[in-house]
């Protein structure tokens, strides 16, 4: 997850979210996400369980930049 690295890049078409494995207490997803985002945004992502796109991840600060998409 982003908190373990210095710089992250993603494809604009990527889908980022908490899957069942990351949302469990064992993987720490519910503890790490609020450290990266506001508590309100993190809670919404955790409760809704819907992934966000690369553009939204950049807006929220989950990634540092978007790479050129290789998929069309």
N, C-alpha and C. Protein backbone atom coordinates (compact mmCIF):
# COMPACT_ATOMS: atom_id res chain seq x y z
N UNK A 1 0.84 -1.17 0.00
CA UNK A 1 0.00 0.00 0.00
C UNK A 1 0.89 1.24 0.00
N UNK A 2 0.34 2.35 -0.41
CA UNK A 2 1.07 3.60 -0.58
C UNK A 2 1.91 3.99 0.63
N UNK A 3 1.46 3.73 1.84
CA UNK A 3 2.19 4.15 3.03
C UNK A 3 3.52 3.41 3.20
N UNK A 4 3.73 2.36 2.42
CA UNK A 4 4.96 1.59 2.53
C UNK A 4 6.00 2.00 1.50
N UNK A 5 5.66 2.93 0.60
CA UNK A 5 6.58 3.35 -0.44
C UNK A 5 6.67 4.87 -0.48
N UNK A 6 7.69 5.38 -1.18
CA UNK A 6 7.90 6.83 -1.25
C UNK A 6 7.12 7.50 -2.37
N UNK A 7 6.94 6.80 -3.48
CA UNK A 7 6.33 7.41 -4.66
C UNK A 7 5.51 6.36 -5.39
N UNK A 8 4.30 6.68 -5.78
CA UNK A 8 3.47 5.70 -6.47
C UNK A 8 2.90 6.27 -7.76
N UNK A 9 2.80 5.42 -8.75
CA UNK A 9 2.28 5.76 -10.07
C UNK A 9 1.23 4.72 -10.44
N UNK A 10 0.18 5.16 -11.12
CA UNK A 10 -0.83 4.21 -11.58
C UNK A 10 -1.33 4.60 -12.95
N UNK A 11 -1.95 3.68 -13.60
CA UNK A 11 -2.58 3.90 -14.89
C UNK A 11 -3.89 4.65 -14.66
N UNK A 12 -4.25 5.60 -15.52
CA UNK A 12 -5.51 6.32 -15.33
C UNK A 12 -6.73 5.40 -15.34
N UNK A 13 -6.61 4.25 -16.00
CA UNK A 13 -7.74 3.32 -16.08
C UNK A 13 -7.76 2.30 -14.94
N UNK A 14 -6.79 2.38 -14.05
CA UNK A 14 -6.72 1.43 -12.94
C UNK A 14 -7.90 1.62 -11.99
N UNK A 15 -8.30 0.54 -11.35
CA UNK A 15 -9.32 0.59 -10.31
C UNK A 15 -8.64 0.26 -8.99
N UNK A 16 -8.80 1.15 -8.02
CA UNK A 16 -8.13 1.01 -6.73
C UNK A 16 -9.19 0.95 -5.64
N UNK A 17 -9.04 0.00 -4.74
CA UNK A 17 -10.01 -0.11 -3.66
C UNK A 17 -9.61 -1.16 -2.66
N UNK A 18 -10.42 -1.30 -1.66
CA UNK A 18 -10.20 -2.32 -0.64
C UNK A 18 -11.01 -3.55 -0.99
N UNK A 19 -10.34 -4.60 -1.35
CA UNK A 19 -11.02 -5.88 -1.56
C UNK A 19 -11.29 -6.52 -0.22
N UNK A 20 -11.92 -7.66 -0.23
CA UNK A 20 -12.24 -8.34 1.03
C UNK A 20 -10.99 -8.63 1.84
N UNK A 21 -9.91 -8.99 1.18
CA UNK A 21 -8.68 -9.33 1.91
C UNK A 21 -8.09 -8.11 2.61
N UNK A 22 -8.09 -6.96 1.93
CA UNK A 22 -7.50 -5.76 2.53
C UNK A 22 -8.40 -5.12 3.57
N UNK A 23 -9.68 -5.38 3.51
CA UNK A 23 -10.61 -4.76 4.45
C UNK A 23 -10.64 -5.51 5.79
N UNK A 24 -10.01 -6.63 5.88
CA UNK A 24 -9.99 -7.37 7.13
C UNK A 24 -8.99 -6.76 8.09
N UNK A 25 -9.15 -7.03 9.36
CA UNK A 25 -8.23 -6.47 10.35
C UNK A 25 -6.83 -7.05 10.21
N UNK A 26 -6.71 -8.21 9.63
CA UNK A 26 -5.39 -8.86 9.50
C UNK A 26 -4.47 -8.11 8.55
N UNK A 27 -5.02 -7.59 7.46
CA UNK A 27 -4.20 -6.92 6.45
C UNK A 27 -3.95 -5.45 6.78
N UNK A 28 -4.73 -4.86 7.68
CA UNK A 28 -4.51 -3.48 8.10
C UNK A 28 -5.07 -2.42 7.18
N UNK A 29 -5.84 -2.81 6.17
CA UNK A 29 -6.39 -1.83 5.23
C UNK A 29 -7.25 -0.78 5.89
N UNK A 30 -8.05 -1.19 6.87
CA UNK A 30 -8.92 -0.23 7.54
C UNK A 30 -8.15 0.70 8.47
N UNK A 31 -6.94 0.35 8.83
CA UNK A 31 -6.12 1.22 9.67
C UNK A 31 -5.24 2.14 8.82
N UNK A 32 -4.75 1.65 7.70
CA UNK A 32 -3.85 2.44 6.86
C UNK A 32 -4.57 3.50 6.04
N UNK A 33 -5.74 3.15 5.50
CA UNK A 33 -6.44 4.08 4.62
C UNK A 33 -6.77 5.41 5.31
N UNK A 34 -7.27 5.44 6.55
CA UNK A 34 -7.53 6.73 7.20
C UNK A 34 -6.25 7.55 7.45
N UNK A 35 -5.10 6.92 7.47
CA UNK A 35 -3.84 7.66 7.63
C UNK A 35 -3.44 8.36 6.34
N UNK A 36 -3.93 7.83 5.21
CA UNK A 36 -3.60 8.41 3.91
C UNK A 36 -4.62 9.44 3.45
N UNK A 37 -5.86 9.26 3.86
CA UNK A 37 -6.97 10.11 3.43
C UNK A 37 -7.64 10.72 4.65
N UNK A 38 -8.63 11.55 4.40
CA UNK A 38 -9.43 12.03 5.53
C UNK A 38 -10.23 10.85 6.07
N UNK A 39 -10.59 10.91 7.32
CA UNK A 39 -11.38 9.84 7.93
C UNK A 39 -12.70 9.65 7.19
N UNK A 40 -13.32 10.74 6.77
CA UNK A 40 -14.59 10.68 6.05
C UNK A 40 -14.46 9.94 4.72
N UNK A 41 -13.43 10.27 3.94
CA UNK A 41 -13.22 9.63 2.65
C UNK A 41 -12.86 8.17 2.82
N UNK A 42 -12.00 7.88 3.79
CA UNK A 42 -11.60 6.50 4.06
C UNK A 42 -12.80 5.67 4.47
N UNK A 43 -13.64 6.20 5.35
CA UNK A 43 -14.82 5.48 5.81
C UNK A 43 -15.77 5.19 4.64
N UNK A 44 -15.94 6.16 3.77
CA UNK A 44 -16.80 5.96 2.60
C UNK A 44 -16.27 4.83 1.72
N UNK A 45 -14.96 4.82 1.48
CA UNK A 45 -14.38 3.75 0.65
C UNK A 45 -14.53 2.39 1.32
N UNK A 46 -14.33 2.34 2.61
CA UNK A 46 -14.42 1.07 3.35
C UNK A 46 -15.85 0.55 3.35
N UNK A 47 -16.82 1.43 3.63
CA UNK A 47 -18.21 1.00 3.73
C UNK A 47 -18.80 0.65 2.36
N UNK A 48 -18.53 1.49 1.36
CA UNK A 48 -19.10 1.24 0.03
C UNK A 48 -18.43 0.07 -0.66
N UNK A 49 -17.15 -0.09 -0.46
CA UNK A 49 -16.43 -1.18 -1.09
C UNK A 49 -16.30 -1.06 -2.59
N UNK A 50 -16.53 0.13 -3.12
CA UNK A 50 -16.42 0.35 -4.56
C UNK A 50 -15.05 0.92 -4.90
N UNK A 51 -14.39 0.36 -5.91
CA UNK A 51 -13.08 0.88 -6.29
C UNK A 51 -13.19 2.27 -6.91
N UNK A 52 -12.11 3.01 -6.86
CA UNK A 52 -12.05 4.32 -7.50
C UNK A 52 -11.07 4.24 -8.66
N UNK A 53 -11.20 5.13 -9.61
CA UNK A 53 -10.32 5.16 -10.77
C UNK A 53 -9.00 5.87 -10.46
N UNK A 54 -8.09 5.77 -11.39
CA UNK A 54 -6.77 6.39 -11.23
C UNK A 54 -6.83 7.90 -11.05
N UNK A 55 -7.71 8.56 -11.80
CA UNK A 55 -7.85 10.02 -11.69
C UNK A 55 -8.30 10.42 -10.28
N UNK A 56 -9.28 9.72 -9.76
CA UNK A 56 -9.80 10.01 -8.40
C UNK A 56 -8.73 9.71 -7.35
N UNK A 57 -7.98 8.63 -7.55
CA UNK A 57 -6.90 8.29 -6.62
C UNK A 57 -5.86 9.40 -6.58
N UNK A 58 -5.57 10.00 -7.74
CA UNK A 58 -4.63 11.12 -7.79
C UNK A 58 -5.20 12.32 -7.05
N UNK A 59 -6.48 12.62 -7.27
CA UNK A 59 -7.13 13.74 -6.58
C UNK A 59 -7.07 13.57 -5.06
N UNK A 60 -7.26 12.34 -4.59
CA UNK A 60 -7.28 12.07 -3.15
C UNK A 60 -5.88 11.97 -2.54
N UNK A 61 -4.86 11.84 -3.38
CA UNK A 61 -3.50 11.71 -2.87
C UNK A 61 -3.06 10.27 -2.62
N UNK A 62 -3.82 9.30 -3.13
CA UNK A 62 -3.42 7.90 -2.98
C UNK A 62 -2.27 7.54 -3.90
N UNK A 63 -2.15 8.24 -5.02
CA UNK A 63 -1.03 8.05 -5.93
C UNK A 63 -0.41 9.41 -6.20
N UNK A 64 0.84 9.40 -6.63
CA UNK A 64 1.56 10.66 -6.87
C UNK A 64 1.47 11.16 -8.30
N UNK A 65 1.29 10.24 -9.24
CA UNK A 65 1.16 10.65 -10.64
C UNK A 65 0.50 9.54 -11.43
N UNK A 66 -0.02 9.93 -12.61
CA UNK A 66 -0.62 8.97 -13.52
C UNK A 66 0.37 8.68 -14.64
N UNK A 67 0.48 7.43 -14.99
CA UNK A 67 1.33 7.02 -16.10
C UNK A 67 0.48 7.03 -17.36
N UNK A 68 1.14 7.03 -18.49
CA UNK A 68 0.42 6.94 -19.76
C UNK A 68 -0.26 5.58 -19.84
N UNK A 69 -1.53 5.59 -20.21
CA UNK A 69 -2.28 4.35 -20.29
C UNK A 69 -1.81 3.51 -21.47
N UNK A 70 -1.62 2.24 -21.25
CA UNK A 70 -1.22 1.33 -22.32
C UNK A 70 -2.40 0.53 -22.82
N UNK A 71 -3.56 0.68 -22.17
CA UNK A 71 -4.77 -0.04 -22.56
C UNK A 71 -5.72 0.91 -23.28
N UNK A 72 -6.41 0.40 -24.28
CA UNK A 72 -7.35 1.25 -25.03
C UNK A 72 -8.68 0.58 -25.12
